[in-house]
PDB file of N, CA and C in Angstrom:
ATOM      1  N   MET A   1       0.755  -1.183  -0.045  1.00  0.00           N
ATOM      2  CA  MET A   1      -0.016  -0.020  -0.047  1.00  0.00           C
ATOM      3  C   MET A   1       0.819   1.226  -0.011  1.00  0.00           C
ATOM      4  N   ILE A   2       1.944   1.324   0.713  1.00  0.00           N
ATOM      5  CA  ILE A   2       2.776   2.510   0.868  1.00  0.00           C
ATOM      6  C   ILE A   2       3.509   2.770  -0.517  1.00  0.00           C
ATOM      7  N   GLN A   3       3.886   1.660  -1.160  1.00  0.00           N
ATOM      8  CA  GLN A   3       4.635   1.832  -2.359  1.00  0.00           C
ATOM      9  C   GLN A   3       3.623   2.332  -3.632  1.00  0.00           C
ATOM     10  N   ASN A   4       2.400   1.996  -3.361  1.00  0.00           N
ATOM     11  CA  ASN A   4       1.464   2.519  -4.378  1.00  0.00           C
ATOM     12  C   ASN A   4       0.766   3.934  -4.114  1.00  0.00           C
ATOM     13  N   SER A   5       1.118   4.498  -2.825  1.00  0.00           N
ATOM     14  CA  SER A   5       0.632   5.782  -2.625  1.00  0.00           C
ATOM     15  C   SER A   5       1.668   6.761  -3.014  1.00  0.00           C
ATOM     16  N   LEU A   6       0.905   7.753  -3.941  1.00  0.00           N
ATOM     17  CA  LEU A   6       1.710   8.763  -4.306  1.00  0.00           C
ATOM     18  C   LEU A   6       1.870   9.911  -3.142  1.00  0.00           C
ATOM     19  N   ASN A   7       1.131   9.939  -2.217  1.00  0.00           N
ATOM     20  CA  ASN A   7       1.109  11.050  -1.224  1.00  0.00           C
ATOM     21  C   ASN A   7       1.952  10.484  -0.027  1.00  0.00           C
ATOM     22  N   TRP A   8       2.450   9.278  -0.079  1.00  0.00           N
ATOM     23  CA  TRP A   8       3.264   8.692   1.167  1.00  0.00           C
ATOM     24  C   TRP A   8       4.276   9.632   1.496  1.00  0.00           C
ATOM     25  N   GLY A   9       5.240  10.032   0.604  1.00  0.00           N
ATOM     26  CA  GLY A   9       6.382  10.836   0.925  1.00  0.00           C
ATOM     27  C   GLY A   9       5.897  12.235   1.422  1.00  0.00           C
ATOM     28  N   LYS A  10       4.980  12.769   0.963  1.00  0.00           N
ATOM     29  CA  LYS A  10       4.463  14.069   1.354  1.00  0.00           C
ATOM     30  C   LYS A  10       3.910  13.941   2.686  1.00  0.00           C
ATOM     31  N   TRP A  11       3.334  12.875   3.019  1.00  0.00           N
ATOM     32  CA  TRP A  11       2.821  12.620   4.546  1.00  0.00           C
ATOM     33  C   TRP A  11       4.046  12.549   5.341  1.00  0.00           C
ATOM     34  N   GLN A  12       5.050  11.751   4.843  1.00  0.00           N
ATOM     35  CA  GLN A  12       6.244  11.693   5.737  1.00  0.00           C
ATOM     36  C   GLN A  12       7.073  12.982   6.049  1.00  0.00           C
ATOM     37  N   ARG A  13       7.042  13.772   4.971  1.00  0.00           N
ATOM     38  CA  ARG A  13       7.665  15.114   5.118  1.00  0.00           C
ATOM     39  C   ARG A  13       6.945  15.884   5.981  1.00  0.00           C
ATOM     40  N   GLU A  14       5.590  15.948   6.143  1.00  0.00           N
ATOM     41  CA  GLU A  14       4.795  16.550   7.066  1.00  0.00           C
ATOM     42  C   GLU A  14       4.965  16.132   8.470  1.00  0.00           C
ATOM     43  N   LEU A  15       5.146  14.968   8.582  1.00  0.00           N
ATOM     44  CA  LEU A  15       5.548  14.452   9.964  1.00  0.00           C
ATOM     45  C   LEU A  15       6.760  15.031  10.564  1.00  0.00           C
ATOM     46  N   THR A  16       7.712  15.339   9.921  1.00  0.00           N
ATOM     47  CA  THR A  16       8.897  16.016  10.382  1.00  0.00           C
ATOM     48  C   THR A  16       8.700  17.279  11.055  1.00  0.00           C
ATOM     49  N   LYS A  17       7.391  18.035  10.766  1.00  0.00           N
ATOM     50  CA  LYS A  17       7.169  19.297  11.275  1.00  0.00           C
ATOM     51  C   LYS A  17       6.186  19.273  12.473  1.00  0.00           C
ATOM     52  N   ILE A  18       6.083  17.947  13.066  1.00  0.00           N
ATOM     53  CA  ILE A  18       5.163  17.958  14.101  1.00  0.00           C
ATOM     54  C   ILE A  18       5.738  18.502  15.531  1.00  0.00           C
ATOM     55  N   SER A  19       7.155  18.512  15.459  1.00  0.00           N
ATOM     56  CA  SER A  19       7.790  18.885  16.622  1.00  0.00           C
ATOM     57  C   SER A  19       8.973  19.879  16.211  1.00  0.00           C
ATOM     58  N   SER A  20       9.048  20.984  16.835  1.00  0.00           N
ATOM     59  CA  SER A  20      10.241  21.992  16.596  1.00  0.00           C
ATOM     60  C   SER A  20      11.538  21.400  17.231  1.00  0.00           C
ATOM     61  N   GLN A  21      11.323  20.284  17.882  1.00  0.00           N
ATOM     62  CA  GLN A  21      12.601  19.650  18.510  1.00  0.00           C
ATOM     63  C   GLN A  21      13.147  18.506  17.703  1.00  0.00           C
ATOM     64  N   THR A  22      12.599  18.204  16.715  1.00  0.00           N
ATOM     65  CA  THR A  22      13.084  17.155  15.972  1.00  0.00           C
ATOM     66  C   THR A  22      14.549  17.400  15.327  1.00  0.00           C
ATOM     67  N   LEU A  23      15.510  16.439  15.752  1.00  0.00           N
ATOM     68  CA  LEU A  23      16.819  16.812  15.287  1.00  0.00           C
ATOM     69  C   LEU A  23      17.207  16.173  13.948  1.00  0.00           C
ATOM     70  N   GLU A  24      16.596  15.069  13.704  1.00  0.00           N
ATOM     71  CA  GLU A  24      16.971  14.409  12.393  1.00  0.00           C
ATOM     72  C   GLU A  24      15.816  13.488  12.027  1.00  0.00           C
ATOM     73  N   TRP A  25      15.711  13.397  10.588  1.00  0.00           N
ATOM     74  CA  TRP A  25      14.658  12.439  10.227  1.00  0.00           C
ATOM     75  C   TRP A  25      15.233  11.742   9.084  1.00  0.00           C
ATOM     76  N   VAL A  26      15.321  10.427   9.091  1.00  0.00           N
ATOM     77  CA  VAL A  26      15.872   9.448   8.088  1.00  0.00           C
ATOM     78  C   VAL A  26      14.820   8.580   7.569  1.00  0.00           C
ATOM     79  N   VAL A  27      14.895   8.448   6.204  1.00  0.00           N
ATOM     80  CA  VAL A  27      14.008   7.503   5.444  1.00  0.00           C
ATOM     81  C   VAL A  27      14.806   6.303   5.399  1.00  0.00           C
ATOM     82  N   ALA A  28      14.354   5.208   5.896  1.00  0.00           N
ATOM     83  CA  ALA A  28      15.213   3.893   5.899  1.00  0.00           C
ATOM     84  C   ALA A  28      14.669   3.132   4.577  1.00  0.00           C
ATOM     85  N   GLU A  29      15.339   3.272   3.539  1.00  0.00           N
ATOM     86  CA  GLU A  29      14.952   2.723   2.281  1.00  0.00           C
ATOM     87  C   GLU A  29      15.218   1.209   2.335  1.00  0.00           C
ATOM     88  N   ASN A  30      14.357   0.501   1.666  1.00  0.00           N
ATOM     89  CA  ASN A  30      14.465  -0.972   1.759  1.00  0.00           C
ATOM     90  C   ASN A  30      14.635  -1.644   2.986  1.00  0.00           C
ATOM     91  N   THR A  31      13.819  -1.239   3.953  1.00  0.00           N
ATOM     92  CA  THR A  31      13.687  -1.938   5.273  1.00  0.00           C
ATOM     93  C   THR A  31      12.240  -2.207   5.572  1.00  0.00           C
ATOM     94  N   GLY A  32      12.052  -2.971   6.386  1.00  0.00           N
ATOM     95  CA  GLY A  32      10.578  -3.396   6.700  1.00  0.00           C
ATOM     96  C   GLY A  32      10.068  -2.469   7.629  1.00  0.00           C
ATOM     97  N   HIS A  33       8.809  -2.721   8.043  1.00  0.00           N
ATOM     98  CA  HIS A  33       8.052  -1.894   8.863  1.00  0.00           C
ATOM     99  C   HIS A  33       8.883  -1.691  10.274  1.00  0.00           C
ATOM    100  N   TRP A  34       9.423  -2.954  10.789  1.00  0.00           N
ATOM    101  CA  TRP A  34      10.238  -2.966  11.911  1.00  0.00           C
ATOM    102  C   TRP A  34      11.794  -2.701  11.460  1.00  0.00           C
ATOM    103  N   ILE A  35      12.292  -1.495  11.562  1.00  0.00           N
ATOM    104  CA  ILE A  35      13.559  -1.084  10.930  1.00  0.00           C
ATOM    105  C   ILE A  35      14.770  -1.810  11.611  1.00  0.00           C
ATOM    106  N   TRP A  36      14.628  -2.204  12.872  1.00  0.00           N
ATOM    107  CA  TRP A  36      15.784  -2.898  13.649  1.00  0.00           C
ATOM    108  C   TRP A  36      15.802  -4.279  13.200  1.00  0.00           C
ATOM    109  N   ASP A  37      14.791  -4.897  12.523  1.00  0.00           N
ATOM    110  CA  ASP A  37      14.877  -6.251  12.148  1.00  0.00           C
ATOM    111  C   ASP A  37      15.804  -6.700  11.026  1.00  0.00           C
ATOM    112  N   SER A  38      16.076  -5.512  10.117  1.00  0.00           N
ATOM    113  CA  SER A  38      16.946  -5.786   8.984  1.00  0.00           C
ATOM    114  C   SER A  38      18.355  -5.411   9.297  1.00  0.00           C
ATOM    115  N   PRO A  39      19.328  -5.914   8.823  1.00  0.00           N
ATOM    116  CA  PRO A  39      20.723  -5.423   9.095  1.00  0.00           C
ATOM    117  C   PRO A  39      20.873  -3.978   8.549  1.00  0.00           C
ATOM    118  N   LYS A  40      20.403  -3.727   7.460  1.00  0.00           N
ATOM    119  CA  LYS A  40      20.577  -2.200   7.064  1.00  0.00           C
ATOM    120  C   LYS A  40      19.794  -1.308   7.756  1.00  0.00           C
ATOM    121  N   GLY A  41      18.696  -1.613   8.132  1.00  0.00           N
ATOM    122  CA  GLY A  41      17.824  -0.632   9.075  1.00  0.00           C
ATOM    123  C   GLY A  41      18.334  -0.602  10.351  1.00  0.00           C
ATOM    124  N   ARG A  42      19.015  -1.591  10.916  1.00  0.00           N
ATOM    125  CA  ARG A  42      19.785  -1.669  12.226  1.00  0.00           C
ATOM    126  C   ARG A  42      20.841  -0.662  12.137  1.00  0.00           C
ATOM    127  N   ASP A  43      21.688  -0.825  11.118  1.00  0.00           N
ATOM    128  CA  ASP A  43      22.776   0.050  10.746  1.00  0.00           C
ATOM    129  C   ASP A  43      22.475   1.504  10.852  1.00  0.00           C
ATOM    130  N   GLN A  44      21.442   1.854  10.126  1.00  0.00           N
ATOM    131  CA  GLN A  44      20.935   3.171   9.885  1.00  0.00           C
ATOM    132  C   GLN A  44      20.399   3.745  11.244  1.00  0.00           C
ATOM    133  N   LEU A  45      19.732   3.011  11.929  1.00  0.00           N
ATOM    134  CA  LEU A  45      19.182   3.383  13.224  1.00  0.00           C
ATOM    135  C   LEU A  45      20.458   3.603  14.236  1.00  0.00           C
ATOM    136  N   GLN A  46      21.492   2.666  14.314  1.00  0.00           N
ATOM    137  CA  GLN A  46      22.594   2.860  14.934  1.00  0.00           C
ATOM    138  C   GLN A  46      23.375   4.117  14.685  1.00  0.00           C
ATOM    139  N   GLN A  47      23.571   4.573  13.432  1.00  0.00           N
ATOM    140  CA  GLN A  47      24.164   5.591  12.951  1.00  0.00           C
ATOM    141  C   GLN A  47      23.382   6.972  13.486  1.00  0.00           C
ATOM    142  N   VAL A  48      22.184   6.982  13.412  1.00  0.00           N
ATOM    143  CA  VAL A  48      21.490   7.972  13.821  1.00  0.00           C
ATOM    144  C   VAL A  48      21.503   8.197  15.389  1.00  0.00           C
ATOM    145  N   LEU A  49      21.439   7.102  16.045  1.00  0.00           N
ATOM    146  CA  LEU A  49      21.550   7.217  17.683  1.00  0.00           C
ATOM    147  C   LEU A  49      22.980   7.662  18.029  1.00  0.00           C
ATOM    148  N   LEU A  50      24.066   7.167  17.223  1.00  0.00           N
ATOM    149  CA  LEU A  50      25.314   7.688  17.730  1.00  0.00           C
ATOM    150  C   LEU A  50      25.783   8.971  17.427  1.00  0.00           C
ATOM    151  N   ARG A  51      25.013   9.677  16.340  1.00  0.00           N
ATOM    152  CA  ARG A  51      25.146  11.017  15.927  1.00  0.00           C
ATOM    153  C   ARG A  51      24.333  11.825  17.199  1.00  0.00           C
ATOM    154  N   LEU A  52      23.009  11.310  17.412  1.00  0.00           N
ATOM    155  CA  LEU A  52      22.425  12.109  18.301  1.00  0.00           C
ATOM    156  C   LEU A  52      23.147  12.043  19.804  1.00  0.00           C
ATOM    157  N   VAL A  53      23.594  11.035  20.219  1.00  0.00           N
ATOM    158  CA  VAL A  53      24.234  10.947  21.553  1.00  0.00           C
ATOM    159  C   VAL A  53      25.570  11.694  21.397  1.00  0.00           C
ATOM    160  N   SER A  54      26.353  11.960  20.370  1.00  0.00           N
ATOM    161  CA  SER A  54      27.467  12.559  20.414  1.00  0.00           C
ATOM    162  C   SER A  54      27.218  14.049  20.270  1.00  0.00           C
ATOM    163  N   GLU A  55      26.073  14.508  19.645  1.00  0.00           N
ATOM    164  CA  GLU A  55      25.677  15.811  19.722  1.00  0.00           C
ATOM    165  C   GLU A  55      25.301  16.357  20.980  1.00  0.00           C
ATOM    166  N   LYS A  56      24.626  15.391  21.795  1.00  0.00           N
ATOM    167  CA  LYS A  56      24.030  15.824  23.224  1.00  0.00           C
ATOM    168  C   LYS A  56      25.338  16.104  24.059  1.00  0.00           C
ATOM    169  N   SER A  57      26.372  15.229  23.837  1.00  0.00           N
ATOM    170  CA  SER A  57      27.551  15.562  24.707  1.00  0.00           C
ATOM    171  C   SER A  57      28.177  16.617  24.524  1.00  0.00           C
ATOM    172  N   ASN A  58      27.939  17.443  23.543  1.00  0.00           N
ATOM    173  CA  ASN A  58      28.631  18.610  23.267  1.00  0.00           C
ATOM    174  C   ASN A  58      28.081  19.841  23.950  1.00  0.00           C
ATOM    175  N   TYR A  59      26.832  19.575  24.682  1.00  0.00           N
ATOM    176  CA  TYR A  59      26.123  20.655  25.358  1.00  0.00           C
ATOM    177  C   TYR A  59      26.808  20.896  26.678  1.00  0.00           C
TER     178      TYR A  59
END
Protein backbone atom coordinates (compact mmCIF):
# COMPACT_ATOMS: atom_id res chain seq x y z
CA MET A 1 0.00 0.00 0.00
CA ILE A 2 2.77 2.47 0.87
CA GLN A 3 4.61 1.80 -2.37
CA ASN A 4 1.44 2.51 -4.34
CA SER A 5 0.59 5.75 -2.54
CA LEU A 6 1.68 8.91 -4.33
CA ASN A 7 1.10 10.94 -1.17
CA TRP A 8 3.20 8.78 1.15
CA GLY A 9 6.37 10.88 0.76
CA LYS A 10 4.38 14.08 1.29
CA TRP A 11 2.86 12.70 4.49
CA GLN A 12 6.28 11.65 5.75
CA ARG A 13 7.69 15.14 5.16
CA GLU A 14 4.72 16.66 7.02
CA LEU A 15 5.47 14.41 9.99
CA THR A 16 8.89 16.03 10.32
CA LYS A 17 7.13 19.27 11.26
CA ILE A 18 5.19 17.82 14.20
CA SER A 19 7.83 18.96 16.68
CA SER A 20 10.20 21.89 16.61
CA GLN A 21 12.64 19.71 18.55
CA THR A 22 13.12 17.11 15.82
CA LEU A 23 16.87 16.85 15.30
CA GLU A 24 17.01 14.37 12.45
CA TRP A 25 14.66 12.50 10.13
CA VAL A 26 15.90 9.55 8.11
CA VAL A 27 14.00 7.57 5.50
CA ALA A 28 15.12 3.96 5.84
CA GLU A 29 14.97 2.66 2.29
CA ASN A 30 14.51 -1.07 1.67
CA THR A 31 13.76 -1.97 5.27
CA GLY A 32 10.63 -3.48 6.68
CA HIS A 33 8.12 -1.88 9.00
CA TRP A 34 10.30 -2.85 11.96
CA ILE A 35 13.53 -1.08 10.99
CA TRP A 36 15.66 -2.88 13.60
CA ASP A 37 14.82 -6.31 12.17
CA SER A 38 16.93 -5.83 9.03
CA PRO A 39 20.73 -5.45 9.06
CA LYS A 40 20.58 -2.32 6.89
CA GLY A 41 17.85 -0.75 9.02
CA ARG A 42 19.69 -1.62 12.22
CA ASP A 43 22.84 0.03 10.86
CA GLN A 44 20.95 3.19 9.88
CA LEU A 45 19.28 3.35 13.28
CA GLN A 46 22.62 2.86 15.04
CA GLN A 47 24.24 5.66 13.03
CA VAL A 48 21.43 8.09 13.87
CA LEU A 49 21.55 7.21 17.56
CA LEU A 50 25.34 7.62 17.67
CA ARG A 51 25.09 11.05 16.04
CA LEU A 52 22.37 12.15 18.46
CA VAL A 53 24.26 10.92 21.51
CA SER A 54 27.50 12.58 20.40
CA GLU A 55 25.67 15.87 19.70
CA LYS A 56 24.07 15.82 23.16
CA SER A 57 27.45 15.38 24.82
CA ASN A 58 28.60 18.65 23.23
CA TYR A 59 26.14 20.70 25.31
